[in-house]
PDB file of N, CA and C in Angstrom:
ATOM      1  N   UNK A   1       9.277 -14.815   4.053  1.00  0.00           N
ATOM      2  CA  UNK A   1      10.573 -14.177   3.899  1.00  0.00           C
ATOM      3  C   UNK A   1      11.287 -14.756   2.673  1.00  0.00           C
ATOM      4  N   UNK A   2      12.090 -13.914   2.115  1.00  0.00           N
ATOM      5  CA  UNK A   2      12.840 -14.307   0.934  1.00  0.00           C
ATOM      6  C   UNK A   2      13.846 -15.404   1.290  1.00  0.00           C
ATOM      7  N   UNK A   3      13.850 -16.481   0.537  1.00  0.00           N
ATOM      8  CA  UNK A   3      14.797 -17.597   0.681  1.00  0.00           C
ATOM      9  C   UNK A   3      14.702 -18.309   2.037  1.00  0.00           C
ATOM     10  N   UNK A   4      13.567 -18.204   2.712  1.00  0.00           N
ATOM     11  CA  UNK A   4      13.471 -18.837   4.028  1.00  0.00           C
ATOM     12  C   UNK A   4      13.606 -20.352   3.919  1.00  0.00           C
ATOM     13  N   UNK A   5      13.077 -20.927   2.863  1.00  0.00           N
ATOM     14  CA  UNK A   5      13.124 -22.381   2.715  1.00  0.00           C
ATOM     15  C   UNK A   5      14.574 -22.848   2.629  1.00  0.00           C
ATOM     16  N   UNK A   6      15.358 -22.210   1.786  1.00  0.00           N
ATOM     17  CA  UNK A   6      16.768 -22.593   1.654  1.00  0.00           C
ATOM     18  C   UNK A   6      17.537 -22.338   2.949  1.00  0.00           C
ATOM     19  N   UNK A   7      17.176 -21.252   3.633  1.00  0.00           N
ATOM     20  CA  UNK A   7      17.842 -20.940   4.899  1.00  0.00           C
ATOM     21  C   UNK A   7      17.558 -22.035   5.929  1.00  0.00           C
ATOM     22  N   UNK A   8      16.307 -22.439   6.038  1.00  0.00           N
ATOM     23  CA  UNK A   8      15.939 -23.504   6.986  1.00  0.00           C
ATOM     24  C   UNK A   8      16.660 -24.803   6.647  1.00  0.00           C
ATOM     25  N   UNK A   9      16.732 -25.113   5.360  1.00  0.00           N
ATOM     26  CA  UNK A   9      17.412 -26.335   4.924  1.00  0.00           C
ATOM     27  C   UNK A   9      18.890 -26.275   5.288  1.00  0.00           C
ATOM     28  N   UNK A  10      19.502 -25.116   5.135  1.00  0.00           N
ATOM     29  CA  UNK A  10      20.926 -25.000   5.451  1.00  0.00           C
ATOM     30  C   UNK A  10      21.189 -25.093   6.948  1.00  0.00           C
ATOM     31  N   UNK A  11      20.261 -24.602   7.771  1.00  0.00           N
ATOM     32  CA  UNK A  11      20.462 -24.599   9.216  1.00  0.00           C
ATOM     33  C   UNK A  11      20.075 -25.913   9.874  1.00  0.00           C
ATOM     34  N   UNK A  12      19.192 -26.674   9.240  1.00  0.00           N
ATOM     35  CA  UNK A  12      18.728 -27.939   9.826  1.00  0.00           C
ATOM     36  C   UNK A  12      18.978 -29.054   8.804  1.00  0.00           C
ATOM     37  N   UNK A  13      20.185 -29.585   8.769  1.00  0.00           N
ATOM     38  CA  UNK A  13      20.536 -30.583   7.752  1.00  0.00           C
ATOM     39  C   UNK A  13      19.680 -31.859   7.805  1.00  0.00           C
ATOM     40  N   UNK A  14      19.151 -32.193   8.956  1.00  0.00           N
ATOM     41  CA  UNK A  14      18.359 -33.422   9.074  1.00  0.00           C
ATOM     42  C   UNK A  14      16.912 -33.241   8.628  1.00  0.00           C
ATOM     43  N   UNK A  15      16.530 -32.041   8.262  1.00  0.00           N
ATOM     44  CA  UNK A  15      15.164 -31.753   7.845  1.00  0.00           C
ATOM     45  C   UNK A  15      14.832 -32.512   6.556  1.00  0.00           C
ATOM     46  N   UNK A  16      13.671 -33.168   6.547  1.00  0.00           N
ATOM     47  CA  UNK A  16      13.267 -33.938   5.369  1.00  0.00           C
ATOM     48  C   UNK A  16      12.061 -33.327   4.663  1.00  0.00           C
ATOM     49  N   UNK A  17      11.177 -32.672   5.431  1.00  0.00           N
ATOM     50  CA  UNK A  17       9.961 -32.083   4.872  1.00  0.00           C
ATOM     51  C   UNK A  17       9.813 -30.680   5.460  1.00  0.00           C
ATOM     52  N   UNK A  18       9.447 -29.725   4.598  1.00  0.00           N
ATOM     53  CA  UNK A  18       9.211 -28.357   5.049  1.00  0.00           C
ATOM     54  C   UNK A  18       7.986 -27.836   4.311  1.00  0.00           C
ATOM     55  N   UNK A  19       7.034 -27.314   5.057  1.00  0.00           N
ATOM     56  CA  UNK A  19       5.782 -26.825   4.476  1.00  0.00           C
ATOM     57  C   UNK A  19       5.088 -27.908   3.643  1.00  0.00           C
ATOM     58  N   UNK A  20       5.092 -29.107   4.173  1.00  0.00           N
ATOM     59  CA  UNK A  20       4.419 -30.257   3.551  1.00  0.00           C
ATOM     60  C   UNK A  20       5.000 -30.641   2.194  1.00  0.00           C
ATOM     61  N   UNK A  21       6.249 -30.250   1.936  1.00  0.00           N
ATOM     62  CA  UNK A  21       6.930 -30.619   0.701  1.00  0.00           C
ATOM     63  C   UNK A  21       8.264 -31.260   1.042  1.00  0.00           C
ATOM     64  N   UNK A  22       8.563 -32.364   0.373  1.00  0.00           N
ATOM     65  CA  UNK A  22       9.849 -33.025   0.583  1.00  0.00           C
ATOM     66  C   UNK A  22      10.981 -32.111   0.110  1.00  0.00           C
ATOM     67  N   UNK A  23      12.083 -32.215   0.796  1.00  0.00           N
ATOM     68  CA  UNK A  23      13.259 -31.433   0.432  1.00  0.00           C
ATOM     69  C   UNK A  23      14.072 -32.241  -0.575  1.00  0.00           C
ATOM     70  N   UNK A  24      14.367 -31.626  -1.686  1.00  0.00           N
ATOM     71  CA  UNK A  24      15.088 -32.316  -2.757  1.00  0.00           C
ATOM     72  C   UNK A  24      16.589 -32.104  -2.621  1.00  0.00           C
ATOM     73  N   UNK A  25      17.318 -32.936  -3.320  1.00  0.00           N
ATOM     74  CA  UNK A  25      18.775 -32.825  -3.320  1.00  0.00           C
ATOM     75  C   UNK A  25      19.208 -31.489  -3.933  1.00  0.00           C
ATOM     76  N   UNK A  26      18.519 -31.061  -4.973  1.00  0.00           N
ATOM     77  CA  UNK A  26      18.884 -29.790  -5.611  1.00  0.00           C
ATOM     78  C   UNK A  26      18.662 -28.621  -4.640  1.00  0.00           C
ATOM     79  N   UNK A  27      17.625 -28.707  -3.789  1.00  0.00           N
ATOM     80  CA  UNK A  27      17.408 -27.664  -2.787  1.00  0.00           C
ATOM     81  C   UNK A  27      18.526 -27.672  -1.754  1.00  0.00           C
ATOM     82  N   UNK A  28      18.954 -28.862  -1.358  1.00  0.00           N
ATOM     83  CA  UNK A  28      20.062 -28.951  -0.391  1.00  0.00           C
ATOM     84  C   UNK A  28      21.340 -28.332  -0.962  1.00  0.00           C
ATOM     85  N   UNK A  29      21.601 -28.621  -2.227  1.00  0.00           N
ATOM     86  CA  UNK A  29      22.798 -28.055  -2.862  1.00  0.00           C
ATOM     87  C   UNK A  29      22.676 -26.532  -2.994  1.00  0.00           C
ATOM     88  N   UNK A  30      21.508 -26.058  -3.367  1.00  0.00           N
ATOM     89  CA  UNK A  30      21.295 -24.608  -3.484  1.00  0.00           C
ATOM     90  C   UNK A  30      21.426 -23.936  -2.122  1.00  0.00           C
ATOM     91  N   UNK A  31      20.909 -24.577  -1.072  1.00  0.00           N
ATOM     92  CA  UNK A  31      21.007 -24.018   0.283  1.00  0.00           C
ATOM     93  C   UNK A  31      22.463 -23.950   0.724  1.00  0.00           C
ATOM     94  N   UNK A  32      23.205 -25.013   0.431  1.00  0.00           N
ATOM     95  CA  UNK A  32      24.625 -25.036   0.806  1.00  0.00           C
ATOM     96  C   UNK A  32      25.396 -23.952   0.063  1.00  0.00           C
ATOM     97  N   UNK A  33      25.085 -23.772  -1.209  1.00  0.00           N
ATOM     98  CA  UNK A  33      25.764 -22.752  -2.005  1.00  0.00           C
ATOM     99  C   UNK A  33      25.402 -21.340  -1.528  1.00  0.00           C
ATOM    100  N   UNK A  34      24.123 -21.115  -1.220  1.00  0.00           N
ATOM    101  CA  UNK A  34      23.675 -19.781  -0.852  1.00  0.00           C
ATOM    102  C   UNK A  34      24.085 -19.400   0.566  1.00  0.00           C
ATOM    103  N   UNK A  35      23.990 -20.341   1.491  1.00  0.00           N
ATOM    104  CA  UNK A  35      24.219 -20.008   2.894  1.00  0.00           C
ATOM    105  C   UNK A  35      25.482 -20.649   3.480  1.00  0.00           C
ATOM    106  N   UNK A  36      26.268 -21.274   2.657  1.00  0.00           N
ATOM    107  CA  UNK A  36      27.496 -21.884   3.150  1.00  0.00           C
ATOM    108  C   UNK A  36      28.630 -20.883   3.232  1.00  0.00           C
ATOM    109  N   UNK A  37      29.401 -20.985   4.281  1.00  0.00           N
ATOM    110  CA  UNK A  37      30.621 -20.201   4.486  1.00  0.00           C
ATOM    111  C   UNK A  37      30.396 -18.693   4.435  1.00  0.00           C
ATOM    112  N   UNK A  38      31.347 -17.941   3.855  1.00  0.00           N
ATOM    113  CA  UNK A  38      31.318 -16.471   3.893  1.00  0.00           C
ATOM    114  C   UNK A  38      30.170 -15.874   3.086  1.00  0.00           C
ATOM    115  N   UNK A  39      29.900 -16.447   1.942  1.00  0.00           N
ATOM    116  CA  UNK A  39      28.835 -15.926   1.090  1.00  0.00           C
ATOM    117  C   UNK A  39      27.494 -15.972   1.832  1.00  0.00           C
ATOM    118  N   UNK A  40      27.258 -17.030   2.549  1.00  0.00           N
ATOM    119  CA  UNK A  40      26.024 -17.167   3.314  1.00  0.00           C
ATOM    120  C   UNK A  40      25.932 -16.139   4.422  1.00  0.00           C
ATOM    121  N   UNK A  41      27.038 -15.882   5.092  1.00  0.00           N
ATOM    122  CA  UNK A  41      27.054 -14.877   6.163  1.00  0.00           C
ATOM    123  C   UNK A  41      26.727 -13.497   5.622  1.00  0.00           C
ATOM    124  N   UNK A  42      27.278 -13.169   4.468  1.00  0.00           N
ATOM    125  CA  UNK A  42      26.988 -11.873   3.854  1.00  0.00           C
ATOM    126  C   UNK A  42      25.503 -11.758   3.522  1.00  0.00           C
ATOM    127  N   UNK A  43      24.944 -12.842   3.020  1.00  0.00           N
ATOM    128  CA  UNK A  43      23.530 -12.839   2.665  1.00  0.00           C
ATOM    129  C   UNK A  43      22.657 -12.675   3.909  1.00  0.00           C
ATOM    130  N   UNK A  44      23.010 -13.370   4.984  1.00  0.00           N
ATOM    131  CA  UNK A  44      22.253 -13.262   6.241  1.00  0.00           C
ATOM    132  C   UNK A  44      22.342 -11.841   6.791  1.00  0.00           C
ATOM    133  N   UNK A  45      23.506 -11.225   6.725  1.00  0.00           N
ATOM    134  CA  UNK A  45      23.661  -9.849   7.192  1.00  0.00           C
ATOM    135  C   UNK A  45      22.802  -8.889   6.367  1.00  0.00           C
ATOM    136  N   UNK A  46      22.742  -9.128   5.069  1.00  0.00           N
ATOM    137  CA  UNK A  46      21.913  -8.294   4.195  1.00  0.00           C
ATOM    138  C   UNK A  46      20.433  -8.423   4.575  1.00  0.00           C
ATOM    139  N   UNK A  47      19.992  -9.618   4.862  1.00  0.00           N
ATOM    140  CA  UNK A  47      18.606  -9.850   5.280  1.00  0.00           C
ATOM    141  C   UNK A  47      18.327  -9.150   6.607  1.00  0.00           C
ATOM    142  N   UNK A  48      19.268  -9.217   7.536  1.00  0.00           N
ATOM    143  CA  UNK A  48      19.095  -8.547   8.827  1.00  0.00           C
ATOM    144  C   UNK A  48      18.962  -7.036   8.654  1.00  0.00           C
ATOM    145  N   UNK A  49      19.749  -6.456   7.762  1.00  0.00           N
ATOM    146  CA  UNK A  49      19.657  -5.021   7.497  1.00  0.00           C
ATOM    147  C   UNK A  49      18.283  -4.657   6.940  1.00  0.00           C
ATOM    148  N   UNK A  50      17.780  -5.480   6.014  1.00  0.00           N
ATOM    149  CA  UNK A  50      16.454  -5.236   5.447  1.00  0.00           C
ATOM    150  C   UNK A  50      15.379  -5.299   6.534  1.00  0.00           C
ATOM    151  N   UNK A  51      15.521  -6.266   7.448  1.00  0.00           N
ATOM    152  CA  UNK A  51      14.555  -6.388   8.537  1.00  0.00           C
ATOM    153  C   UNK A  51      14.591  -5.178   9.450  1.00  0.00           C
ATOM    154  N   UNK A  52      15.783  -4.670   9.753  1.00  0.00           N
ATOM    155  CA  UNK A  52      15.908  -3.490  10.605  1.00  0.00           C
ATOM    156  C   UNK A  52      15.280  -2.272   9.938  1.00  0.00           C
ATOM    157  N   UNK A  53      15.485  -2.112   8.640  1.00  0.00           N
ATOM    158  CA  UNK A  53      14.877  -0.997   7.920  1.00  0.00           C
ATOM    159  C   UNK A  53      13.353  -1.097   7.952  1.00  0.00           C
ATOM    160  N   UNK A  54      12.840  -2.310   7.784  1.00  0.00           N
ATOM    161  CA  UNK A  54      11.395  -2.502   7.820  1.00  0.00           C
ATOM    162  C   UNK A  54      10.838  -2.185   9.202  1.00  0.00           C
ATOM    163  N   UNK A  55      11.555  -2.585  10.252  1.00  0.00           N
ATOM    164  CA  UNK A  55      11.120  -2.286  11.615  1.00  0.00           C
ATOM    165  C   UNK A  55      11.110  -0.783  11.864  1.00  0.00           C
ATOM    166  N   UNK A  56      12.110  -0.074  11.333  1.00  0.00           N
ATOM    167  CA  UNK A  56      12.144   1.382  11.478  1.00  0.00           C
ATOM    168  C   UNK A  56      10.954   2.013  10.767  1.00  0.00           C
ATOM    169  N   UNK A  57      10.624   1.525   9.581  1.00  0.00           N
ATOM    170  CA  UNK A  57       9.468   2.053   8.855  1.00  0.00           C
ATOM    171  C   UNK A  57       8.191   1.799   9.642  1.00  0.00           C
ATOM    172  N   UNK A  58       8.077   0.616  10.236  1.00  0.00           N
ATOM    173  CA  UNK A  58       6.889   0.291  11.021  1.00  0.00           C
ATOM    174  C   UNK A  58       6.768   1.186  12.244  1.00  0.00           C
ATOM    175  N   UNK A  59       7.893   1.456  12.915  1.00  0.00           N
ATOM    176  CA  UNK A  59       7.824   2.304  14.107  1.00  0.00           C
ATOM    177  C   UNK A  59       7.467   3.736  13.720  1.00  0.00           C
ATOM    178  N   UNK A  60       7.956   4.196  12.587  1.00  0.00           N
ATOM    179  CA  UNK A  60       7.588   5.541  12.127  1.00  0.00           C
ATOM    180  C   UNK A  60       6.101   5.600  11.808  1.00  0.00           C
ATOM    181  N   UNK A  61       5.595   4.549  11.237  1.00  0.00           N
ATOM    182  CA  UNK A  61       4.177   4.566  10.914  1.00  0.00           C
ATOM    183  C   UNK A  61       3.331   4.546  12.179  1.00  0.00           C
ATOM    184  N   UNK A  62       3.819   3.922  13.252  1.00  0.00           N
ATOM    185  CA  UNK A  62       3.104   3.944  14.530  1.00  0.00           C
ATOM    186  C   UNK A  62       3.073   5.363  15.094  1.00  0.00           C
ATOM    187  N   UNK A  63       4.195   6.060  14.992  1.00  0.00           N
ATOM    188  CA  UNK A  63       4.250   7.455  15.452  1.00  0.00           C
ATOM    189  C   UNK A  63       3.309   8.315  14.612  1.00  0.00           C
ATOM    190  N   UNK A  64       3.291   8.063  13.312  1.00  0.00           N
ATOM    191  CA  UNK A  64       2.399   8.809  12.423  1.00  0.00           C
ATOM    192  C   UNK A  64       0.947   8.553  12.800  1.00  0.00           C
ATOM    193  N   UNK A  65       0.615   7.318  13.096  1.00  0.00           N
ATOM    194  CA  UNK A  65      -0.755   6.992  13.507  1.00  0.00           C
ATOM    195  C   UNK A  65      -1.128   7.720  14.793  1.00  0.00           C
ATOM    196  N   UNK A  66      -0.197   7.784  15.731  1.00  0.00           N
ATOM    197  CA  UNK A  66      -0.460   8.477  17.000  1.00  0.00           C
ATOM    198  C   UNK A  66      -0.711   9.965  16.758  1.00  0.00           C
ATOM    199  N   UNK A  67       0.083  10.590  15.877  1.00  0.00           N
ATOM    200  CA  UNK A  67      -0.109  12.012  15.566  1.00  0.00           C
ATOM    201  C   UNK A  67      -1.462  12.254  14.911  1.00  0.00           C
ATOM    202  N   UNK A  68      -1.823  11.382  14.003  1.00  0.00           N
ATOM    203  CA  UNK A  68      -3.111  11.536  13.323  1.00  0.00           C
ATOM    204  C   UNK A  68      -4.270  11.349  14.292  1.00  0.00           C
ATOM    205  N   UNK A  69      -4.116  10.428  15.215  1.00  0.00           N
ATOM    206  CA  UNK A  69      -5.161  10.210  16.222  1.00  0.00           C
ATOM    207  C   UNK A  69      -5.330  11.449  17.097  1.00  0.00           C
ATOM    208  N   UNK A  70      -4.209  12.051  17.493  1.00  0.00           N
ATOM    209  CA  UNK A  70      -4.283  13.282  18.286  1.00  0.00           C
ATOM    210  C   UNK A  70      -4.936  14.411  17.495  1.00  0.00           C
ATOM    211  N   UNK A  71      -4.609  14.499  16.209  1.00  0.00           N
ATOM    212  CA  UNK A  71      -5.205  15.542  15.369  1.00  0.00           C
ATOM    213  C   UNK A  71      -6.714  15.347  15.264  1.00  0.00           C
ATOM    214  N   UNK A  72      -7.137  14.093  15.105  1.00  0.00           N
ATOM    215  CA  UNK A  72      -8.575  13.818  15.037  1.00  0.00           C
ATOM    216  C   UNK A  72      -9.269  14.148  16.356  1.00  0.00           C
ATOM    217  N   UNK A  73      -8.612  13.803  17.460  1.00  0.00           N
ATOM    218  CA  UNK A  73      -9.182  14.116  18.773  1.00  0.00           C
ATOM    219  C   UNK A  73      -9.347  15.621  18.940  1.00  0.00           C
ATOM    220  N   UNK A  74      -8.349  16.376  18.550  1.00  0.00           N
ATOM    221  CA  UNK A  74      -8.416  17.835  18.656  1.00  0.00           C
ATOM    222  C   UNK A  74      -9.540  18.394  17.780  1.00  0.00           C
ATOM    223  N   UNK A  75      -9.642  17.881  16.572  1.00  0.00           N
ATOM    224  CA  UNK A  75     -10.694  18.337  15.661  1.00  0.00           C
ATOM    225  C   UNK A  75     -12.078  18.058  16.249  1.00  0.00           C
ATOM    226  N   UNK A  76     -12.275  16.858  16.785  1.00  0.00           N
ATOM    227  CA  UNK A  76     -13.563  16.490  17.374  1.00  0.00           C
ATOM    228  C   UNK A  76     -13.860  17.361  18.587  1.00  0.00           C
ATOM    229  N   UNK A  77     -12.849  17.585  19.414  1.00  0.00           N
ATOM    230  CA  UNK A  77     -13.050  18.418  20.607  1.00  0.00           C
ATOM    231  C   UNK A  77     -13.494  19.824  20.211  1.00  0.00           C
ATOM    232  N   UNK A  78     -12.864  20.390  19.185  1.00  0.00           N
ATOM    233  CA  UNK A  78     -13.216  21.738  18.743  1.00  0.00           C
ATOM    234  C   UNK A  78     -14.630  21.758  18.159  1.00  0.00           C
ATOM    235  N   UNK A  79     -14.945  20.743  17.359  1.00  0.00           N
ATOM    236  CA  UNK A  79     -16.283  20.687  16.751  1.00  0.00           C
ATOM    237  C   UNK A  79     -17.380  20.506  17.791  1.00  0.00           C
ATOM    238  N   UNK A  80     -17.081  19.757  18.853  1.00  0.00           N
ATOM    239  CA  UNK A  80     -18.110  19.464  19.853  1.00  0.00           C
ATOM    240  C   UNK A  80     -18.185  20.504  20.969  1.00  0.00           C
ATOM    241  N   UNK A  81     -17.266  21.427  20.978  1.00  0.00           N
ATOM    242  CA  UNK A  81     -17.279  22.461  22.018  1.00  0.00           C
ATOM    243  C   UNK A  81     -18.536  23.318  21.868  1.00  0.00           C
ATOM    244  N   UNK A  82     -19.264  23.441  22.974  1.00  0.00           N
ATOM    245  CA  UNK A  82     -20.520  24.191  22.934  1.00  0.00           C
ATOM    246  C   UNK A  82     -20.463  25.480  23.747  1.00  0.00           C
ATOM    247  N   UNK A  83     -19.539  25.528  24.685  1.00  0.00           N
ATOM    248  CA  UNK A  83     -19.475  26.717  25.534  1.00  0.00           C
ATOM    249  C   UNK A  83     -18.126  27.395  25.377  1.00  0.00           C
ATOM    250  N   UNK A  84     -18.092  28.629  25.818  1.00  0.00           N
ATOM    251  CA  UNK A  84     -16.858  29.401  25.779  1.00  0.00           C
ATOM    252  C   UNK A  84     -15.808  28.783  26.695  1.00  0.00           C
ATOM    253  N   UNK A  85     -16.222  28.176  27.799  1.00  0.00           N
ATOM    254  CA  UNK A  85     -15.290  27.555  28.739  1.00  0.00           C
ATOM    255  C   UNK A  85     -14.566  26.369  28.086  1.00  0.00           C
ATOM    256  N   UNK A  86     -15.315  25.581  27.326  1.00  0.00           N
ATOM    257  CA  UNK A  86     -14.696  24.442  26.649  1.00  0.00           C
ATOM    258  C   UNK A  86     -13.667  24.914  25.626  1.00  0.00           C
ATOM    259  N   UNK A  87     -13.998  25.912  24.874  1.00  0.00           N
ATOM    260  CA  UNK A  87     -13.070  26.459  23.879  1.00  0.00           C
ATOM    261  C   UNK A  87     -11.838  27.039  24.559  1.00  0.00           C
ATOM    262  N   UNK A  88     -12.060  27.728  25.683  1.00  0.00           N
ATOM    263  CA  UNK A  88     -10.947  28.302  26.435  1.00  0.00           C
ATOM    264  C   UNK A  88     -10.030  27.203  26.970  1.00  0.00           C
ATOM    265  N   UNK A  89     -10.617  26.101  27.474  1.00  0.00           N
ATOM    266  CA  UNK A  89      -9.830  24.973  27.990  1.00  0.00           C
ATOM    267  C   UNK A  89      -8.980  24.367  26.874  1.00  0.00           C
ATOM    268  N   UNK A  90      -9.563  24.163  25.705  1.00  0.00           N
ATOM    269  CA  UNK A  90      -8.818  23.616  24.566  1.00  0.00           C
ATOM    270  C   UNK A  90      -7.690  24.563  24.169  1.00  0.00           C
ATOM    271  N   UNK A  91      -7.982  25.834  24.156  1.00  0.00           N
ATOM    272  CA  UNK A  91      -6.976  26.835  23.810  1.00  0.00           C
ATOM    273  C   UNK A  91      -5.829  26.818  24.806  1.00  0.00           C
ATOM    274  N   UNK A  92      -6.132  26.687  26.099  1.00  0.00           N
ATOM    275  CA  UNK A  92      -5.091  26.617  27.129  1.00  0.00           C
ATOM    276  C   UNK A  92      -4.222  25.379  26.948  1.00  0.00           C
ATOM    277  N   UNK A  93      -4.844  24.246  26.636  1.00  0.00           N
ATOM    278  CA  UNK A  93      -4.082  23.017  26.386  1.00  0.00           C
ATOM    279  C   UNK A  93      -3.146  23.198  25.195  1.00  0.00           C
ATOM    280  N   UNK A  94      -3.630  23.887  24.180  1.00  0.00           N
ATOM    281  CA  UNK A  94      -2.792  24.141  23.011  1.00  0.00           C
ATOM    282  C   UNK A  94      -1.624  25.054  23.368  1.00  0.00           C
ATOM    283  N   UNK A  95      -1.871  26.069  24.210  1.00  0.00           N
ATOM    284  CA  UNK A  95      -0.794  26.974  24.637  1.00  0.00           C
ATOM    285  C   UNK A  95       0.245  26.251  25.473  1.00  0.00           C
ATOM    286  N   UNK A  96      -0.198  25.249  26.259  1.00  0.00           N
ATOM    287  CA  UNK A  96       0.735  24.479  27.090  1.00  0.00           C
ATOM    288  C   UNK A  96       1.560  23.495  26.270  1.00  0.00           C
ATOM    289  N   UNK A  97       1.216  23.340  25.009  1.00  0.00           N
ATOM    290  CA  UNK A  97       2.008  22.480  24.138  1.00  0.00           C
ATOM    291  C   UNK A  97       1.486  21.073  23.993  1.00  0.00           C
ATOM    292  N   UNK A  98       0.295  20.791  24.470  1.00  0.00           N
ATOM    293  CA  UNK A  98      -0.246  19.441  24.395  1.00  0.00           C
ATOM    294  C   UNK A  98      -0.410  18.980  22.944  1.00  0.00           C
ATOM    295  N   UNK A  99      -0.687  19.896  22.038  1.00  0.00           N
ATOM    296  CA  UNK A  99      -0.939  19.548  20.640  1.00  0.00           C
ATOM    297  C   UNK A  99       0.086  20.152  19.687  1.00  0.00           C
ATOM    298  N   UNK A 100       1.285  20.465  20.187  1.00  0.00           N
ATOM    299  CA  UNK A 100       2.305  21.107  19.353  1.00  0.00           C
ATOM    300  C   UNK A 100       2.646  20.301  18.107  1.00  0.00           C
ATOM    301  N   UNK A 101       2.881  19.000  18.277  1.00  0.00           N
ATOM    302  CA  UNK A 101       3.298  18.199  17.111  1.00  0.00           C
ATOM    303  C   UNK A 101       2.186  18.122  16.069  1.00  0.00           C
ATOM    304  N   UNK A 102       0.951  18.142  16.515  1.00  0.00           N
ATOM    305  CA  UNK A 102      -0.184  18.133  15.576  1.00  0.00           C
ATOM    306  C   UNK A 102      -0.235  19.456  14.822  1.00  0.00           C
ATOM    307  N   UNK A 103      -0.086  20.562  15.528  1.00  0.00           N
ATOM    308  CA  UNK A 103      -0.160  21.877  14.910  1.00  0.00           C
ATOM    309  C   UNK A 103       1.006  22.115  13.953  1.00  0.00           C
ATOM    310  N   UNK A 104       2.210  21.695  14.354  1.00  0.00           N
ATOM    311  CA  UNK A 104       3.381  21.875  13.496  1.00  0.00           C
ATOM    312  C   UNK A 104       3.255  21.072  12.212  1.00  0.00           C
ATOM    313  N   UNK A 105       2.711  19.872  12.322  1.00  0.00           N
ATOM    314  CA  UNK A 105       2.540  19.016  11.157  1.00  0.00           C
ATOM    315  C   UNK A 105       1.561  19.637  10.172  1.00  0.00           C
ATOM    316  N   UNK A 106       0.491  20.253  10.683  1.00  0.00           N
ATOM    317  CA  UNK A 106      -0.506  20.847   9.813  1.00  0.00           C
ATOM    318  C   UNK A 106      -0.027  22.132   9.152  1.00  0.00           C
ATOM    319  N   UNK A 107       0.971  22.792   9.748  1.00  0.00           N
ATOM    320  CA  UNK A 107       1.517  24.024   9.164  1.00  0.00           C
ATOM    321  C   UNK A 107       2.346  23.728   7.928  1.00  0.00           C
ATOM    322  N   UNK A 108       2.972  22.534   7.873  1.00  0.00           N
ATOM    323  CA  UNK A 108       3.869  22.187   6.768  1.00  0.00           C
ATOM    324  C   UNK A 108       3.133  21.895   5.531  1.00  0.00           C
TER     325      UNK A 108
END
């Protein structure tokens, strides 16, 4: 994460070593300047907003993966159908709306 080292230094004043590196006086001063008082709070809020946006992007990508998986399943089912009954069953599932989001996505 961006500025995590300075953030840790500002939150744990007694910290002497982080990631196998000694903490220098200049790092302590930079941490105090960056995360001290109101300016630090604004910076932390900005980081939280970035994290929330990233989480939203990740959840959308999970939904996208699920849609693509359903589309692949439908494609495989159609390709492997050997009898008229199997094709009819797939068609009925499609009419019931089981694959609506897959079909709508492919129309766009």
